[in-house]
Amino acid sequence: MSTTETKAAALKVELTKRIELLVPIKTPAGEFSSITLRRPKVSEMVRYQSQAKGLKLDDAEEELLIYANLSEEKLTMEDIGELDFGDFAKLQRWFRAVQTGA
């Protein structure tokens, strides 16, 4: 077990979160009934925000970019945009919990 995994286990922090979808999505890569997101690092968030600025994305589009990049399924912004709104809210709740130290 790596040092990071040991520390995470001691703190009982989930480094990834599998979110079951109420409505599966179909993408060019296949159909998904769940999405697994990983906790972002600060350096990644800085990079995603800079990328969003360079692409002239608004806040909502930036959020799609972030979730797509955090997905272990390698989803795109467009894939995230196809989520049922209730499923998207699940991603938002998890992300907000991560931001507040949960």
PDB file of N, CA and C in Angstrom:
ATOM      1  N   MET A   1       0.857  -1.183   0.000  1.00  0.00           N
ATOM      2  CA  MET A   1       0.000   0.000   0.000  1.00  0.00           C
ATOM      3  C   MET A   1       0.893   1.233   0.000  1.00  0.00           C
ATOM      4  N   SER A   2       0.593   2.197  -0.872  1.00  0.00           N
ATOM      5  CA  SER A   2       1.395   3.410  -0.964  1.00  0.00           C
ATOM      6  C   SER A   2       1.123   4.319   0.232  1.00  0.00           C
ATOM      7  N   THR A   3       1.981   5.300   0.415  1.00  0.00           N
ATOM      8  CA  THR A   3       1.808   6.260   1.507  1.00  0.00           C
ATOM      9  C   THR A   3       0.483   6.998   1.382  1.00  0.00           C
ATOM     10  N   THR A   4       0.131   7.392   0.161  1.00  0.00           N
ATOM     11  CA  THR A   4      -1.132   8.099  -0.066  1.00  0.00           C
ATOM     12  C   THR A   4      -2.311   7.223   0.317  1.00  0.00           C
ATOM     13  N   GLU A   5      -2.260   5.951  -0.094  1.00  0.00           N
ATOM     14  CA  GLU A   5      -3.353   5.031   0.236  1.00  0.00           C
ATOM     15  C   GLU A   5      -3.437   4.805   1.737  1.00  0.00           C
ATOM     16  N   THR A   6      -2.265   4.711   2.402  1.00  0.00           N
ATOM     17  CA  THR A   6      -2.240   4.520   3.847  1.00  0.00           C
ATOM     18  C   THR A   6      -2.850   5.718   4.560  1.00  0.00           C
ATOM     19  N   LYS A   7      -2.452   6.907   4.147  1.00  0.00           N
ATOM     20  CA  LYS A   7      -3.010   8.123   4.752  1.00  0.00           C
ATOM     21  C   LYS A   7      -4.508   8.205   4.508  1.00  0.00           C
ATOM     22  N   ALA A   8      -4.933   7.910   3.283  1.00  0.00           N
ATOM     23  CA  ALA A   8      -6.353   7.957   2.947  1.00  0.00           C
ATOM     24  C   ALA A   8      -7.127   6.947   3.773  1.00  0.00           C
ATOM     25  N   ALA A   9      -6.565   5.761   3.955  1.00  0.00           N
ATOM     26  CA  ALA A   9      -7.244   4.737   4.742  1.00  0.00           C
ATOM     27  C   ALA A   9      -7.364   5.184   6.197  1.00  0.00           C
ATOM     28  N   ALA A  10      -6.303   5.805   6.713  1.00  0.00           N
ATOM     29  CA  ALA A  10      -6.327   6.276   8.100  1.00  0.00           C
ATOM     30  C   ALA A  10      -7.370   7.363   8.292  1.00  0.00           C
ATOM     31  N   LEU A  11      -7.557   8.213   7.285  1.00  0.00           N
ATOM     32  CA  LEU A  11      -8.533   9.288   7.358  1.00  0.00           C
ATOM     33  C   LEU A  11      -9.909   8.852   6.876  1.00  0.00           C
ATOM     34  N   LYS A  12      -9.974   7.655   6.311  1.00  0.00           N
ATOM     35  CA  LYS A  12     -11.205   7.119   5.745  1.00  0.00           C
ATOM     36  C   LYS A  12     -11.761   8.020   4.647  1.00  0.00           C
ATOM     37  N   VAL A  13     -10.864   8.522   3.824  1.00  0.00           N
ATOM     38  CA  VAL A  13     -11.235   9.376   2.707  1.00  0.00           C
ATOM     39  C   VAL A  13     -11.388   8.497   1.477  1.00  0.00           C
ATOM     40  N   GLU A  14     -12.504   8.634   0.804  1.00  0.00           N
ATOM     41  CA  GLU A  14     -12.682   7.936  -0.456  1.00  0.00           C
ATOM     42  C   GLU A  14     -11.991   8.740  -1.542  1.00  0.00           C
ATOM     43  N   LEU A  15     -11.017   8.123  -2.210  1.00  0.00           N
ATOM     44  CA  LEU A  15     -10.310   8.828  -3.277  1.00  0.00           C
ATOM     45  C   LEU A  15     -11.117   8.831  -4.563  1.00  0.00           C
ATOM     46  N   THR A  16     -12.045   7.899  -4.679  1.00  0.00           N
ATOM     47  CA  THR A  16     -12.953   7.871  -5.823  1.00  0.00           C
ATOM     48  C   THR A  16     -14.368   7.662  -5.313  1.00  0.00           C
ATOM     49  N   LYS A  17     -15.314   8.061  -6.114  1.00  0.00           N
ATOM     50  CA  LYS A  17     -16.721   7.893  -5.764  1.00  0.00           C
ATOM     51  C   LYS A  17     -17.465   7.370  -6.982  1.00  0.00           C
ATOM     52  N   ARG A  18     -18.100   6.226  -6.821  1.00  0.00           N
ATOM     53  CA  ARG A  18     -18.932   5.677  -7.900  1.00  0.00           C
ATOM     54  C   ARG A  18     -20.347   6.199  -7.702  1.00  0.00           C
ATOM     55  N   ILE A  19     -20.861   6.844  -8.722  1.00  0.00           N
ATOM     56  CA  ILE A  19     -22.193   7.425  -8.663  1.00  0.00           C
ATOM     57  C   ILE A  19     -23.100   6.639  -9.601  1.00  0.00           C
ATOM     58  N   GLU A  20     -24.097   5.997  -9.007  1.00  0.00           N
ATOM     59  CA  GLU A  20     -25.070   5.233  -9.790  1.00  0.00           C
ATOM     60  C   GLU A  20     -26.031   6.213 -10.459  1.00  0.00           C
ATOM     61  N   LEU A  21     -26.232   6.029 -11.736  1.00  0.00           N
ATOM     62  CA  LEU A  21     -27.106   6.930 -12.487  1.00  0.00           C
ATOM     63  C   LEU A  21     -28.545   6.426 -12.471  1.00  0.00           C
ATOM     64  N   LEU A  22     -29.466   7.338 -12.304  1.00  0.00           N
ATOM     65  CA  LEU A  22     -30.891   7.007 -12.393  1.00  0.00           C
ATOM     66  C   LEU A  22     -31.252   6.689 -13.839  1.00  0.00           C
ATOM     67  N   VAL A  23     -30.621   7.431 -14.753  1.00  0.00           N
ATOM     68  CA  VAL A  23     -30.871   7.262 -16.186  1.00  0.00           C
ATOM     69  C   VAL A  23     -29.518   7.039 -16.863  1.00  0.00           C
ATOM     70  N   PRO A  24     -29.253   5.818 -17.342  1.00  0.00           N
ATOM     71  CA  PRO A  24     -27.974   5.560 -18.016  1.00  0.00           C
ATOM     72  C   PRO A  24     -27.778   6.490 -19.215  1.00  0.00           C
ATOM     73  N   ILE A  25     -26.517   6.754 -19.536  1.00  0.00           N
ATOM     74  CA  ILE A  25     -26.219   7.580 -20.713  1.00  0.00           C
ATOM     75  C   ILE A  25     -25.526   6.715 -21.766  1.00  0.00           C
ATOM     76  N   LYS A  26     -25.806   7.048 -23.013  1.00  0.00           N
ATOM     77  CA  LYS A  26     -25.150   6.392 -24.138  1.00  0.00           C
ATOM     78  C   LYS A  26     -24.152   7.383 -24.717  1.00  0.00           C
ATOM     79  N   THR A  27     -22.926   6.914 -24.882  1.00  0.00           N
ATOM     80  CA  THR A  27     -21.864   7.736 -25.446  1.00  0.00           C
ATOM     81  C   THR A  27     -21.214   6.961 -26.588  1.00  0.00           C
ATOM     82  N   PRO A  28     -20.377   7.606 -27.377  1.00  0.00           N
ATOM     83  CA  PRO A  28     -19.648   6.862 -28.413  1.00  0.00           C
ATOM     84  C   PRO A  28     -18.789   5.730 -27.833  1.00  0.00           C
ATOM     85  N   ALA A  29     -18.399   5.862 -26.556  1.00  0.00           N
ATOM     86  CA  ALA A  29     -17.580   4.838 -25.901  1.00  0.00           C
ATOM     87  C   ALA A  29     -18.412   3.713 -25.295  1.00  0.00           C
ATOM     88  N   GLY A  30     -19.731   3.867 -25.290  1.00  0.00           N
ATOM     89  CA  GLY A  30     -20.597   2.838 -24.727  1.00  0.00           C
ATOM     90  C   GLY A  30     -21.672   3.427 -23.841  1.00  0.00           C
ATOM     91  N   GLU A  31     -22.424   2.536 -23.197  1.00  0.00           N
ATOM     92  CA  GLU A  31     -23.492   2.962 -22.288  1.00  0.00           C
ATOM     93  C   GLU A  31     -22.994   2.833 -20.856  1.00  0.00           C
ATOM     94  N   PHE A  32     -23.326   3.832 -20.045  1.00  0.00           N
ATOM     95  CA  PHE A  32     -22.877   3.854 -18.656  1.00  0.00           C
ATOM     96  C   PHE A  32     -24.065   3.987 -17.715  1.00  0.00           C
ATOM     97  N   SER A  33     -24.098   3.119 -16.697  1.00  0.00           N
ATOM     98  CA  SER A  33     -25.138   3.196 -15.677  1.00  0.00           C
ATOM     99  C   SER A  33     -24.563   3.757 -14.376  1.00  0.00           C
ATOM    100  N   SER A  34     -23.267   4.020 -14.381  1.00  0.00           N
ATOM    101  CA  SER A  34     -22.613   4.663 -13.246  1.00  0.00           C
ATOM    102  C   SER A  34     -21.396   5.424 -13.765  1.00  0.00           C
ATOM    103  N   ILE A  35     -20.964   6.368 -12.966  1.00  0.00           N
ATOM    104  CA  ILE A  35     -19.769   7.151 -13.277  1.00  0.00           C
ATOM    105  C   ILE A  35     -18.900   7.154 -12.040  1.00  0.00           C
ATOM    106  N   THR A  36     -17.609   6.924 -12.223  1.00  0.00           N
ATOM    107  CA  THR A  36     -16.677   6.979 -11.106  1.00  0.00           C
ATOM    108  C   THR A  36     -15.836   8.244 -11.241  1.00  0.00           C
ATOM    109  N   LEU A  37     -15.893   9.074 -10.211  1.00  0.00           N
ATOM    110  CA  LEU A  37     -15.125  10.319 -10.179  1.00  0.00           C
ATOM    111  C   LEU A  37     -14.023  10.197  -9.139  1.00  0.00           C
ATOM    112  N   ARG A  38     -12.894  10.825  -9.426  1.00  0.00           N
ATOM    113  CA  ARG A  38     -11.806  10.839  -8.440  1.00  0.00           C
ATOM    114  C   ARG A  38     -11.656  12.246  -7.875  1.00  0.00           C
ATOM    115  N   ARG A  39     -11.148  12.299  -6.661  1.00  0.00           N
ATOM    116  CA  ARG A  39     -10.942  13.594  -6.018  1.00  0.00           C
ATOM    117  C   ARG A  39      -9.848  14.353  -6.767  1.00  0.00           C
ATOM    118  N   PRO A  40     -10.081  15.629  -7.073  1.00  0.00           N
ATOM    119  CA  PRO A  40      -9.073  16.397  -7.811  1.00  0.00           C
ATOM    120  C   PRO A  40      -7.978  16.932  -6.901  1.00  0.00           C
ATOM    121  N   LYS A  41      -6.832  17.184  -7.497  1.00  0.00           N
ATOM    122  CA  LYS A  41      -5.738  17.863  -6.810  1.00  0.00           C
ATOM    123  C   LYS A  41      -5.843  19.352  -7.147  1.00  0.00           C
ATOM    124  N   VAL A  42      -5.274  20.173  -6.316  1.00  0.00           N
ATOM    125  CA  VAL A  42      -5.310  21.615  -6.531  1.00  0.00           C
ATOM    126  C   VAL A  42      -4.701  21.967  -7.887  1.00  0.00           C
ATOM    127  N   SER A  43      -3.579  21.353  -8.222  1.00  0.00           N
ATOM    128  CA  SER A  43      -2.923  21.662  -9.498  1.00  0.00           C
ATOM    129  C   SER A  43      -3.833  21.341 -10.686  1.00  0.00           C
ATOM    130  N   GLU A  44      -4.630  20.282 -10.565  1.00  0.00           N
ATOM    131  CA  GLU A  44      -5.565  19.949 -11.636  1.00  0.00           C
ATOM    132  C   GLU A  44      -6.649  21.007 -11.757  1.00  0.00           C
ATOM    133  N   MET A  45      -7.173  21.447 -10.628  1.00  0.00           N
ATOM    134  CA  MET A  45      -8.231  22.454 -10.653  1.00  0.00           C
ATOM    135  C   MET A  45      -7.724  23.746 -11.279  1.00  0.00           C
ATOM    136  N   VAL A  46      -6.489  24.124 -10.962  1.00  0.00           N
ATOM    137  CA  VAL A  46      -5.895  25.318 -11.569  1.00  0.00           C
ATOM    138  C   VAL A  46      -5.801  25.125 -13.079  1.00  0.00           C
ATOM    139  N   ARG A  47      -5.362  23.941 -13.517  1.00  0.00           N
ATOM    140  CA  ARG A  47      -5.237  23.654 -14.949  1.00  0.00           C
ATOM    141  C   ARG A  47      -6.599  23.671 -15.637  1.00  0.00           C
ATOM    142  N   TYR A  48      -7.617  23.056 -15.001  1.00  0.00           N
ATOM    143  CA  TYR A  48      -8.953  23.027 -15.605  1.00  0.00           C
ATOM    144  C   TYR A  48      -9.531  24.434 -15.708  1.00  0.00           C
ATOM    145  N   GLN A  49      -9.326  25.252 -14.673  1.00  0.00           N
ATOM    146  CA  GLN A  49      -9.845  26.614 -14.709  1.00  0.00           C
ATOM    147  C   GLN A  49      -9.141  27.438 -15.778  1.00  0.00           C
ATOM    148  N   SER A  50      -7.844  27.232 -15.929  1.00  0.00           N
ATOM    149  CA  SER A  50      -7.097  27.934 -16.970  1.00  0.00           C
ATOM    150  C   SER A  50      -7.549  27.475 -18.360  1.00  0.00           C
ATOM    151  N   GLN A  51      -7.758  26.185 -18.507  1.00  0.00           N
ATOM    152  CA  GLN A  51      -8.238  25.641 -19.778  1.00  0.00           C
ATOM    153  C   GLN A  51      -9.611  26.215 -20.115  1.00  0.00           C
ATOM    154  N   ALA A  52     -10.485  26.271 -19.134  1.00  0.00           N
ATOM    155  CA  ALA A  52     -11.836  26.807 -19.347  1.00  0.00           C
ATOM    156  C   ALA A  52     -11.774  28.271 -19.770  1.00  0.00           C
ATOM    157  N   LYS A  53     -10.884  29.019 -19.136  1.00  0.00           N
ATOM    158  CA  LYS A  53     -10.735  30.432 -19.490  1.00  0.00           C
ATOM    159  C   LYS A  53     -10.245  30.570 -20.926  1.00  0.00           C
ATOM    160  N   GLY A  54      -9.250  29.741 -21.298  1.00  0.00           N
ATOM    161  CA  GLY A  54      -8.712  29.778 -22.649  1.00  0.00           C
ATOM    162  C   GLY A  54      -9.750  29.405 -23.703  1.00  0.00           C
ATOM    163  N   LEU A  55     -10.662  28.526 -23.330  1.00  0.00           N
ATOM    164  CA  LEU A  55     -11.728  28.107 -24.249  1.00  0.00           C
ATOM    165  C   LEU A  55     -12.949  29.028 -24.185  1.00  0.00           C
ATOM    166  N   LYS A  56     -12.861  30.035 -23.306  1.00  0.00           N
ATOM    167  CA  LYS A  56     -13.953  30.992 -23.101  1.00  0.00           C
ATOM    168  C   LYS A  56     -15.256  30.282 -22.682  1.00  0.00           C
ATOM    169  N   LEU A  57     -15.088  29.317 -21.742  1.00  0.00           N
ATOM    170  CA  LEU A  57     -16.252  28.593 -21.227  1.00  0.00           C
ATOM    171  C   LEU A  57     -16.896  29.391 -20.109  1.00  0.00           C
ATOM    172  N   ASP A  58     -18.205  29.323 -20.010  1.00  0.00           N
ATOM    173  CA  ASP A  58     -18.874  29.953 -18.873  1.00  0.00           C
ATOM    174  C   ASP A  58     -18.781  28.991 -17.684  1.00  0.00           C
ATOM    175  N   ASP A  59     -19.295  29.408 -16.521  1.00  0.00           N
ATOM    176  CA  ASP A  59     -19.169  28.606 -15.303  1.00  0.00           C
ATOM    177  C   ASP A  59     -19.797  27.221 -15.444  1.00  0.00           C
ATOM    178  N   ALA A  60     -20.945  27.147 -16.087  1.00  0.00           N
ATOM    179  CA  ALA A  60     -21.626  25.860 -16.256  1.00  0.00           C
ATOM    180  C   ALA A  60     -20.796  24.931 -17.143  1.00  0.00           C
ATOM    181  N   GLU A  61     -20.233  25.462 -18.212  1.00  0.00           N
ATOM    182  CA  GLU A  61     -19.407  24.647 -19.106  1.00  0.00           C
ATOM    183  C   GLU A  61     -18.114  24.216 -18.412  1.00  0.00           C
ATOM    184  N   GLU A  62     -17.570  25.089 -17.583  1.00  0.00           N
ATOM    185  CA  GLU A  62     -16.365  24.749 -16.822  1.00  0.00           C
ATOM    186  C   GLU A  62     -16.646  23.558 -15.906  1.00  0.00           C
ATOM    187  N   GLU A  63     -17.813  23.549 -15.316  1.00  0.00           N
ATOM    188  CA  GLU A  63     -18.200  22.442 -14.445  1.00  0.00           C
ATOM    189  C   GLU A  63     -18.250  21.126 -15.235  1.00  0.00           C
ATOM    190  N   LEU A  64     -18.783  21.169 -16.449  1.00  0.00           N
ATOM    191  CA  LEU A  64     -18.809  19.979 -17.309  1.00  0.00           C
ATOM    192  C   LEU A  64     -17.389  19.511 -17.605  1.00  0.00           C
ATOM    193  N   LEU A  65     -16.509  20.454 -17.893  1.00  0.00           N
ATOM    194  CA  LEU A  65     -15.109  20.147 -18.175  1.00  0.00           C
ATOM    195  C   LEU A  65     -14.458  19.449 -16.978  1.00  0.00           C
ATOM    196  N   ILE A  66     -14.694  19.967 -15.798  1.00  0.00           N
ATOM    197  CA  ILE A  66     -14.104  19.399 -14.588  1.00  0.00           C
ATOM    198  C   ILE A  66     -14.592  17.972 -14.371  1.00  0.00           C
ATOM    199  N   TYR A  67     -15.896  17.755 -14.412  1.00  0.00           N
ATOM    200  CA  TYR A  67     -16.436  16.412 -14.191  1.00  0.00           C
ATOM    201  C   TYR A  67     -15.944  15.431 -15.251  1.00  0.00           C
ATOM    202  N   ALA A  68     -15.874  15.873 -16.484  1.00  0.00           N
ATOM    203  CA  ALA A  68     -15.383  14.999 -17.552  1.00  0.00           C
ATOM    204  C   ALA A  68     -13.938  14.575 -17.265  1.00  0.00           C
ATOM    205  N   ASN A  69     -13.117  15.514 -16.849  1.00  0.00           N
ATOM    206  CA  ASN A  69     -11.714  15.201 -16.573  1.00  0.00           C
ATOM    207  C   ASN A  69     -11.527  14.343 -15.325  1.00  0.00           C
ATOM    208  N   LEU A  70     -12.461  14.406 -14.399  1.00  0.00           N
ATOM    209  CA  LEU A  70     -12.361  13.601 -13.182  1.00  0.00           C
ATOM    210  C   LEU A  70     -12.967  12.212 -13.341  1.00  0.00           C
ATOM    211  N   SER A  71     -13.649  11.973 -14.445  1.00  0.00           N
ATOM    212  CA  SER A  71     -14.309  10.678 -14.637  1.00  0.00           C
ATOM    213  C   SER A  71     -13.300   9.617 -15.048  1.00  0.00           C
ATOM    214  N   GLU A  72     -13.352   8.493 -14.380  1.00  0.00           N
ATOM    215  CA  GLU A  72     -12.471   7.379 -14.732  1.00  0.00           C
ATOM    216  C   GLU A  72     -12.863   6.770 -16.072  1.00  0.00           C
ATOM    217  N   GLU A  73     -14.085   7.017 -16.502  1.00  0.00           N
ATOM    218  CA  GLU A  73     -14.570   6.496 -17.785  1.00  0.00           C
ATOM    219  C   GLU A  73     -14.097   7.326 -18.968  1.00  0.00           C
ATOM    220  N   LYS A  74     -13.362   8.411 -18.691  1.00  0.00           N
ATOM    221  CA  LYS A  74     -12.854   9.318 -19.735  1.00  0.00           C
ATOM    222  C   LYS A  74     -13.994   9.915 -20.555  1.00  0.00           C
ATOM    223  N   LEU A  75     -15.026  10.368 -19.844  1.00  0.00           N
ATOM    224  CA  LEU A  75     -16.164  10.997 -20.513  1.00  0.00           C
ATOM    225  C   LEU A  75     -15.769  12.365 -21.045  1.00  0.00           C
ATOM    226  N   THR A  76     -16.542  12.872 -21.973  1.00  0.00           N
ATOM    227  CA  THR A  76     -16.311  14.208 -22.527  1.00  0.00           C
ATOM    228  C   THR A  76     -17.294  15.184 -21.888  1.00  0.00           C
ATOM    229  N   MET A  77     -17.071  16.461 -22.156  1.00  0.00           N
ATOM    230  CA  MET A  77     -18.023  17.484 -21.696  1.00  0.00           C
ATOM    231  C   MET A  77     -19.405  17.195 -22.259  1.00  0.00           C
ATOM    232  N   GLU A  78     -19.439  16.790 -23.513  1.00  0.00           N
ATOM    233  CA  GLU A  78     -20.714  16.506 -24.169  1.00  0.00           C
ATOM    234  C   GLU A  78     -21.420  15.332 -23.495  1.00  0.00           C
ATOM    235  N   ASP A  79     -20.647  14.311 -23.095  1.00  0.00           N
ATOM    236  CA  ASP A  79     -21.226  13.161 -22.390  1.00  0.00           C
ATOM    237  C   ASP A  79     -21.858  13.611 -21.072  1.00  0.00           C
ATOM    238  N   ILE A  80     -21.133  14.414 -20.319  1.00  0.00           N
ATOM    239  CA  ILE A  80     -21.655  14.909 -19.036  1.00  0.00           C
ATOM    240  C   ILE A  80     -22.911  15.737 -19.277  1.00  0.00           C
ATOM    241  N   GLY A  81     -22.921  16.498 -20.363  1.00  0.00           N
ATOM    242  CA  GLY A  81     -24.087  17.307 -20.711  1.00  0.00           C
ATOM    243  C   GLY A  81     -25.329  16.487 -21.010  1.00  0.00           C
ATOM    244  N   GLU A  82     -25.152  15.219 -21.338  1.00  0.00           N
ATOM    245  CA  GLU A  82     -26.286  14.343 -21.639  1.00  0.00           C
ATOM    246  C   GLU A  82     -26.875  13.670 -20.401  1.00  0.00           C
ATOM    247  N   LEU A  83     -26.292  13.930 -19.237  1.00  0.00           N
ATOM    248  CA  LEU A  83     -26.822  13.338 -18.004  1.00  0.00           C
ATOM    249  C   LEU A  83     -28.217  13.862 -17.688  1.00  0.00           C
ATOM    250  N   ASP A  84     -29.015  13.010 -17.102  1.00  0.00           N
ATOM    251  CA  ASP A  84     -30.288  13.431 -16.526  1.00  0.00           C
ATOM    252  C   ASP A  84     -29.972  14.478 -15.461  1.00  0.00           C
ATOM    253  N   PHE A  85     -30.833  15.469 -15.318  1.00  0.00           N
ATOM    254  CA  PHE A  85     -30.534  16.566 -14.385  1.00  0.00           C
ATOM    255  C   PHE A  85     -30.396  16.064 -12.946  1.00  0.00           C
ATOM    256  N   GLY A  86     -31.175  15.058 -12.567  1.00  0.00           N
ATOM    257  CA  GLY A  86     -31.061  14.479 -11.220  1.00  0.00           C
ATOM    258  C   GLY A  86     -29.713  13.807 -11.014  1.00  0.00           C
ATOM    259  N   ASP A  87     -29.218  13.143 -12.050  1.00  0.00           N
ATOM    260  CA  ASP A  87     -27.902  12.513 -11.968  1.00  0.00           C
ATOM    261  C   ASP A  87     -26.804  13.568 -11.904  1.00  0.00           C
ATOM    262  N   PHE A  88     -26.974  14.637 -12.677  1.00  0.00           N
ATOM    263  CA  PHE A  88     -26.000  15.726 -12.640  1.00  0.00           C
ATOM    264  C   PHE A  88     -25.950  16.327 -11.236  1.00  0.00           C
ATOM    265  N   ALA A  89     -27.097  16.440 -10.587  1.00  0.00           N
ATOM    266  CA  ALA A  89     -27.151  16.974  -9.221  1.00  0.00           C
ATOM    267  C   ALA A  89     -26.362  16.083  -8.260  1.00  0.00           C
ATOM    268  N   LYS A  90     -26.350  14.771  -8.500  1.00  0.00           N
ATOM    269  CA  LYS A  90     -25.562  13.855  -7.669  1.00  0.00           C
ATOM    270  C   LYS A  90     -24.076  14.169  -7.801  1.00  0.00           C
ATOM    271  N   LEU A  91     -23.612  14.425  -9.026  1.00  0.00           N
ATOM    272  CA  LEU A  91     -22.215  14.789  -9.241  1.00  0.00           C
ATOM    273  C   LEU A  91     -21.895  16.096  -8.526  1.00  0.00           C
ATOM    274  N   GLN A  92     -22.808  17.058  -8.631  1.00  0.00           N
ATOM    275  CA  GLN A  92     -22.592  18.347  -7.977  1.00  0.00           C
ATOM    276  C   GLN A  92     -22.515  18.204  -6.460  1.00  0.00           C
ATOM    277  N   ARG A  93     -23.406  17.405  -5.873  1.00  0.00           N
ATOM    278  CA  ARG A  93     -23.392  17.220  -4.412  1.00  0.00           C
ATOM    279  C   ARG A  93     -22.071  16.604  -3.962  1.00  0.00           C
ATOM    280  N   TRP A  94     -21.608  15.586  -4.701  1.00  0.00           N
ATOM    281  CA  TRP A  94     -20.338  14.959  -4.345  1.00  0.00           C
ATOM    282  C   TRP A  94     -19.200  15.975  -4.443  1.00  0.00           C
ATOM    283  N   PHE A  95     -19.167  16.740  -5.535  1.00  0.00           N
ATOM    284  CA  PHE A  95     -18.097  17.704  -5.740  1.00  0.00           C
ATOM    285  C   PHE A  95     -18.098  18.769  -4.646  1.00  0.00           C
ATOM    286  N   ARG A  96     -19.274  19.253  -4.280  1.00  0.00           N
ATOM    287  CA  ARG A  96     -19.372  20.262  -3.210  1.00  0.00           C
ATOM    288  C   ARG A  96     -18.891  19.669  -1.878  1.00  0.00           C
ATOM    289  N   ALA A  97     -19.201  18.404  -1.620  1.00  0.00           N
ATOM    290  CA  ALA A  97     -18.741  17.751  -0.393  1.00  0.00           C
ATOM    291  C   ALA A  97     -17.210  17.670  -0.376  1.00  0.00           C
ATOM    292  N   VAL A  98     -16.614  17.354  -1.516  1.00  0.00           N
ATOM    293  CA  VAL A  98     -15.152  17.288  -1.619  1.00  0.00           C
ATOM    294  C   VAL A  98     -14.549  18.670  -1.330  1.00  0.00           C
ATOM    295  N   GLN A  99     -15.175  19.711  -1.880  1.00  0.00           N
ATOM    296  CA  GLN A  99     -14.681  21.081  -1.689  1.00  0.00           C
ATOM    297  C   GLN A  99     -14.736  21.519  -0.228  1.00  0.00           C
ATOM    298  N   THR A 100     -15.684  20.977   0.511  1.00  0.00           N
ATOM    299  CA  THR A 100     -15.823  21.388   1.924  1.00  0.00           C
ATOM    300  C   THR A 100     -15.079  20.471   2.877  1.00  0.00           C
ATOM    301  N   GLY A 101     -14.298  19.551   2.299  1.00  0.00           N
ATOM    302  CA  GLY A 101     -13.456  18.700   3.140  1.00  0.00           C
ATOM    303  C   GLY A 101     -14.077  17.390   3.567  1.00  0.00           C
ATOM    304  N   ALA A 102     -15.142  16.987   2.917  1.00  0.00           N
ATOM    305  CA  ALA A 102     -15.782  15.712   3.287  1.00  0.00           C
ATOM    306  C   ALA A 102     -15.008  14.546   2.739  1.00  0.00           C
TER     307      ALA A 102
END
